[in-house]
Amino acid sequence: MSDYGQHGTVVELSSGSTVLTLDRGQYHVETTPFPITFLRAGRTTAVVAATDWNRLDAFDLSTGRLLTERDTTWTKDQPPEHALNYFHGALRPSPGENWLLDDGWVWSPVGVPVLIDVAAWLAGEVYATEHGWALSYRDYAWDQPAAWIDDDTVAIQRIGPHDKAMIDGVELFDAPSGRRIGMFAGPAGMMWAHEGLLYVSATAGLEVWDPAHGVRTGLVSGFGPVAHNPVSGAFAEMAGDRLRTWTPST
């Protein structure tokens, strides 16, 4: 599956068999990465993905069964009761999977990072994705680096209301209230969180930031990771044809 596209496929790696085929339609699919993530759902695992430009669904990974059946059909003269004029974007679940950050946009265009209550959604409130709450409004800016510092605190890069006037840095948001609780200048690049710290793949190398004080506390010079293992804490980069890894000391 390409990052930006109409279709997606979930594959069982051990057998190579297709578990689920996804289609989000053709309407402005080039503007956001394909929205997809995995969540625990009781004793099974759910695949959460876009099934239209303005709709997310959850499927039982083991069976492919739709878990979020609901009516969002538009008619010519009447929108559905739970209408959503929102283009879903990159999906990032919180560590405890209580929240889902959706980094999408609305016309004109405006980037609108939205929080979705995962627990309520998978417990039967099937319209929870249509009634998430916006954290901020950013003219012409979405698909920004973001990371969950803990289960209630998410960091989103770039500060300011408009793409052309933004500065490098992060804004911190409290998920339960939806309020911005802090911000600091500096970080710019792919970003992950590990054990309460932010790690940013920057020009000089992998930067380590303390979000509680807004200061850079370390630098792994010359190392530019493109992936992070949240279980082991290891970061990885491709250097030519070689895979290099680095793990923070505990």
Protein backbone atom coordinates (compact mmCIF):
# COMPACT_ATOMS: atom_id res chain seq x y z
CA MET A 1 0.00 0.00 0.00
CA SER A 2 1.38 3.43 -0.91
CA ASP A 3 1.33 6.21 1.68
CA TYR A 4 -0.94 8.35 -0.47
CA GLY A 5 -3.55 6.50 -2.49
CA GLN A 6 -7.04 5.17 -2.88
CA HIS A 7 -6.57 1.50 -2.01
CA GLY A 8 -5.03 -0.45 0.85
CA THR A 9 -4.50 -4.11 1.67
CA VAL A 10 -3.94 -5.84 5.00
CA VAL A 11 -1.77 -8.95 4.57
CA GLU A 12 -1.04 -11.85 6.95
CA LEU A 13 2.76 -11.88 6.92
CA SER A 14 3.23 -15.53 7.87
CA SER A 15 1.08 -16.82 5.02
CA GLY A 16 1.07 -13.92 2.58
CA SER A 17 -2.71 -14.09 2.34
CA THR A 18 -4.89 -10.99 2.05
CA VAL A 19 -6.97 -10.37 5.18
CA LEU A 20 -8.73 -7.19 4.12
CA THR A 21 -8.95 -4.98 1.04
CA LEU A 22 -9.65 -1.29 1.62
CA ASP A 23 -10.91 1.53 -0.61
CA ARG A 24 -11.34 5.16 0.48
CA GLY A 25 -12.66 6.43 -2.83
CA GLN A 26 -11.03 8.92 -5.18
CA TYR A 27 -11.93 12.30 -3.70
CA HIS A 28 -8.68 14.23 -2.96
CA VAL A 29 -6.88 11.06 -1.83
CA GLU A 30 -3.54 12.68 -2.72
CA THR A 31 -3.78 15.13 0.20
CA THR A 32 -3.28 12.75 3.15
CA PRO A 33 -1.52 9.46 3.87
CA PHE A 34 -3.88 6.49 3.78
CA PRO A 35 -5.57 6.56 7.21
CA ILE A 36 -4.94 3.18 8.83
CA THR A 37 -3.88 1.81 12.22
CA PHE A 38 -4.37 -1.21 14.48
CA LEU A 39 -6.10 -1.27 17.86
CA ARG A 40 -6.92 -3.83 20.52
CA ALA A 41 -10.65 -4.60 20.60
CA GLY A 42 -11.46 -6.87 23.51
CA ARG A 43 -9.80 -10.22 22.84
CA THR A 44 -9.08 -9.44 19.21
CA THR A 45 -7.33 -6.79 17.12
CA ALA A 46 -9.15 -4.22 15.04
CA VAL A 47 -7.99 -2.60 11.82
CA VAL A 48 -9.11 1.04 11.69
CA ALA A 49 -9.05 2.56 8.23
CA ALA A 50 -10.73 5.08 5.95
CA THR A 51 -13.53 3.65 3.83
CA ASP A 52 -14.35 7.04 2.29
CA TRP A 53 -12.79 10.51 2.39
CA ASN A 54 -14.95 11.36 5.43
CA ARG A 55 -15.49 7.98 7.09
CA LEU A 56 -13.46 5.68 9.31
CA ASP A 57 -14.38 2.08 10.08
CA ALA A 58 -13.06 -0.65 12.34
CA PHE A 59 -12.81 -4.29 11.23
CA ASP A 60 -12.11 -7.45 13.22
CA LEU A 61 -8.64 -8.47 12.04
CA SER A 62 -9.27 -12.18 12.45
CA THR A 63 -12.51 -12.29 10.45
CA GLY A 64 -12.71 -9.02 8.49
CA ARG A 65 -16.11 -8.33 10.08
CA LEU A 66 -17.18 -4.68 10.17
CA LEU A 67 -17.43 -3.51 13.80
CA THR A 68 -18.80 -0.01 13.17
CA GLU A 69 -21.90 -0.39 11.00
CA ARG A 70 -23.78 2.93 10.73
CA ASP A 71 -25.56 5.14 8.23
CA THR A 72 -23.54 8.03 6.78
CA THR A 73 -25.20 8.09 3.36
CA TRP A 74 -25.63 11.48 1.74
CA THR A 75 -28.73 12.15 -0.36
CA LYS A 76 -29.14 14.92 -2.91
CA ASP A 77 -31.19 17.18 -0.68
CA GLN A 78 -30.48 15.97 2.83
CA PRO A 79 -27.18 15.21 4.59
CA PRO A 80 -27.19 12.41 7.16
CA GLU A 81 -27.85 13.27 10.80
CA HIS A 82 -24.18 12.66 11.64
CA ALA A 83 -22.67 14.47 8.65
CA LEU A 84 -18.90 14.92 8.61
CA ASN A 85 -17.18 17.39 6.27
CA TYR A 86 -13.66 16.25 7.15
CA PHE A 87 -10.86 14.56 5.21
CA HIS A 88 -9.32 11.91 7.46
CA GLY A 89 -5.54 11.86 7.68
CA ALA A 90 -2.74 10.01 9.45
CA LEU A 91 -3.99 8.04 12.48
CA ARG A 92 -1.99 7.80 15.70
CA PRO A 93 -3.38 5.88 18.69
CA SER A 94 -2.30 6.84 22.22
CA PRO A 95 -0.13 4.28 24.06
CA GLY A 96 -3.10 2.90 26.00
CA GLU A 97 -5.28 3.17 22.89
CA ASN A 98 -7.88 5.29 24.68
CA TRP A 99 -7.51 8.05 22.08
CA LEU A 100 -6.91 8.31 18.36
CA LEU A 101 -5.30 11.40 16.82
CA ASP A 102 -6.60 12.03 13.30
CA ASP A 103 -4.44 14.57 11.42
CA GLY A 104 -6.87 15.58 8.66
CA TRP A 105 -8.27 18.76 7.13
CA VAL A 106 -11.38 20.66 6.11
CA TRP A 107 -11.98 23.24 3.40
CA SER A 108 -10.61 25.99 2.75
CA PRO A 109 -8.16 24.09 3.36
CA VAL A 110 -7.45 24.11 7.09
CA GLY A 111 -5.53 21.43 8.97
CA VAL A 112 -7.57 20.19 11.93
CA PRO A 113 -6.01 17.58 14.24
CA VAL A 114 -8.95 15.76 15.81
CA LEU A 115 -9.19 13.48 18.84
CA ILE A 116 -11.46 10.43 18.75
CA ASP A 117 -12.60 8.56 21.86
CA VAL A 118 -11.58 5.01 20.94
CA ALA A 119 -13.08 3.36 24.01
CA ALA A 120 -16.51 4.87 23.32
CA TRP A 121 -16.29 4.07 19.61
CA LEU A 122 -15.49 0.38 19.98
CA ALA A 123 -17.91 0.02 22.89
CA GLY A 124 -20.84 0.80 20.62
CA GLU A 125 -20.90 4.57 20.09
CA VAL A 126 -20.51 4.06 16.36
CA TYR A 127 -20.72 7.78 15.50
CA ALA A 128 -17.79 8.69 17.77
CA THR A 129 -15.57 9.35 14.75
CA GLU A 130 -18.12 11.82 13.42
CA HIS A 131 -18.06 13.67 16.75
CA GLY A 132 -14.39 13.96 17.64
CA TRP A 133 -13.09 17.28 18.94
CA ALA A 134 -10.67 19.60 17.18
CA LEU A 135 -7.43 20.52 18.93
CA SER A 136 -6.50 23.45 16.67
CA TYR A 137 -7.04 25.06 13.27
CA ARG A 138 -4.01 25.53 11.01
CA ASP A 139 -4.49 27.18 7.63
CA TYR A 140 -2.89 25.08 4.86
CA ALA A 141 -1.03 22.88 7.35
CA TRP A 142 -1.74 19.25 8.15
CA ASP A 143 0.12 15.91 8.00
CA GLN A 144 2.52 17.22 10.64
CA PRO A 145 4.90 15.12 12.78
CA ALA A 146 3.15 14.14 16.01
CA ALA A 147 3.77 11.79 18.94
CA TRP A 148 2.02 10.70 22.12
CA ILE A 149 4.19 11.51 25.16
CA ASP A 150 1.83 9.56 27.41
CA ASP A 151 -1.75 8.33 27.13
CA ASP A 152 -3.20 11.81 27.72
CA THR A 153 -0.58 14.12 26.17
CA VAL A 154 0.15 14.50 22.47
CA ALA A 155 2.79 16.68 20.83
CA ILE A 156 2.17 18.14 17.36
CA GLN A 157 4.89 19.95 15.43
CA ARG A 158 4.88 23.54 14.20
CA ILE A 159 3.54 26.56 16.04
CA GLY A 160 1.20 29.14 14.58
CA PRO A 161 -2.18 29.55 12.86
CA HIS A 162 -1.00 29.62 9.22
CA ASP A 163 1.47 27.53 7.22
CA LYS A 164 3.46 30.54 5.97
CA ALA A 165 3.76 32.06 9.44
CA MET A 166 4.56 28.94 11.45
CA ILE A 167 7.81 28.37 13.33
CA ASP A 168 9.55 25.10 14.11
CA GLY A 169 8.51 23.65 17.44
CA VAL A 170 5.77 21.63 19.11
CA GLU A 171 2.44 22.29 20.73
CA LEU A 172 1.34 20.04 23.60
CA PHE A 173 -2.31 19.07 24.05
CA ASP A 174 -4.20 17.38 26.86
CA ALA A 175 -6.50 14.73 25.36
CA PRO A 176 -9.26 14.57 28.00
CA SER A 177 -9.88 18.33 27.89
CA GLY A 178 -8.68 19.07 24.34
CA ARG A 179 -6.74 22.08 25.69
CA ARG A 180 -3.28 23.22 24.62
CA ILE A 181 -1.12 22.91 27.72
CA GLY A 182 2.26 24.04 26.42
CA MET A 183 4.52 24.78 23.47
CA PHE A 184 8.20 25.34 22.76
CA ALA A 185 10.30 26.20 19.72
CA GLY A 186 12.95 24.02 18.13
CA PRO A 187 11.98 20.50 17.01
CA ALA A 188 11.62 19.95 13.25
CA GLY A 189 11.58 16.54 11.57
CA MET A 190 10.18 13.04 11.97
CA MET A 191 9.26 12.64 15.64
CA TRP A 192 8.61 9.87 18.15
CA ALA A 193 8.14 9.68 21.91
CA HIS A 194 9.81 7.21 24.25
CA GLU A 195 9.67 7.13 28.05
CA GLY A 196 8.47 10.73 28.32
CA LEU A 197 11.00 12.24 25.91
CA LEU A 198 10.65 13.37 22.30
CA TYR A 199 13.08 12.13 19.65
CA VAL A 200 13.37 14.14 16.43
CA SER A 201 15.21 13.09 13.28
CA ALA A 202 16.80 16.43 12.40
CA THR A 203 19.52 17.62 10.00
CA ALA A 204 22.34 17.19 12.51
CA GLY A 205 21.14 13.84 13.80
CA LEU A 206 18.65 12.40 16.27
CA GLU A 207 17.72 15.11 18.77
CA VAL A 208 16.40 14.34 22.25
CA TRP A 209 13.94 16.83 23.76
CA ASP A 210 12.49 17.12 27.26
CA PRO A 211 8.89 18.29 26.70
CA ALA A 212 8.38 19.12 30.37
CA HIS A 213 11.01 21.90 30.14
CA GLY A 214 11.11 22.53 26.39
CA VAL A 215 14.85 21.96 26.07
CA ARG A 216 17.07 19.73 23.95
CA THR A 217 18.96 17.33 26.18
CA GLY A 218 20.88 15.22 23.70
CA LEU A 219 22.01 14.58 20.11
CA VAL A 220 23.02 11.37 18.34
CA SER A 221 25.14 13.07 15.69
CA GLY A 222 24.90 11.85 12.11
CA PHE A 223 22.09 9.39 12.82
CA GLY A 224 18.82 10.01 10.97
CA PRO A 225 16.27 7.32 11.83
CA VAL A 226 13.11 6.72 9.84
CA ALA A 227 11.46 4.23 12.21
CA HIS A 228 11.07 3.49 15.92
CA ASN A 229 10.18 0.31 17.80
CA PRO A 230 7.94 1.40 20.71
CA VAL A 231 8.50 -1.89 22.57
CA SER A 232 12.30 -2.07 22.54
CA GLY A 233 12.85 1.67 22.13
CA ALA A 234 15.22 1.09 19.19
CA PHE A 235 15.51 3.61 16.35
CA ALA A 236 16.52 2.55 12.85
CA GLU A 237 17.92 4.21 9.73
CA MET A 238 18.90 2.96 6.29
CA ALA A 239 22.45 4.08 5.48
CA GLY A 240 22.99 3.06 1.87
CA ASP A 241 22.32 -0.68 1.88
CA ARG A 242 22.92 -1.06 5.63
CA LEU A 243 20.43 -0.96 8.48
CA ARG A 244 21.73 0.93 11.53
CA THR A 245 20.00 0.98 14.91
CA TRP A 246 20.38 2.88 18.16
CA THR A 247 18.60 2.29 21.47
CA PRO A 248 18.41 4.87 24.31
CA SER A 249 20.06 3.76 27.54
CA THR A 250 17.64 2.99 30.36
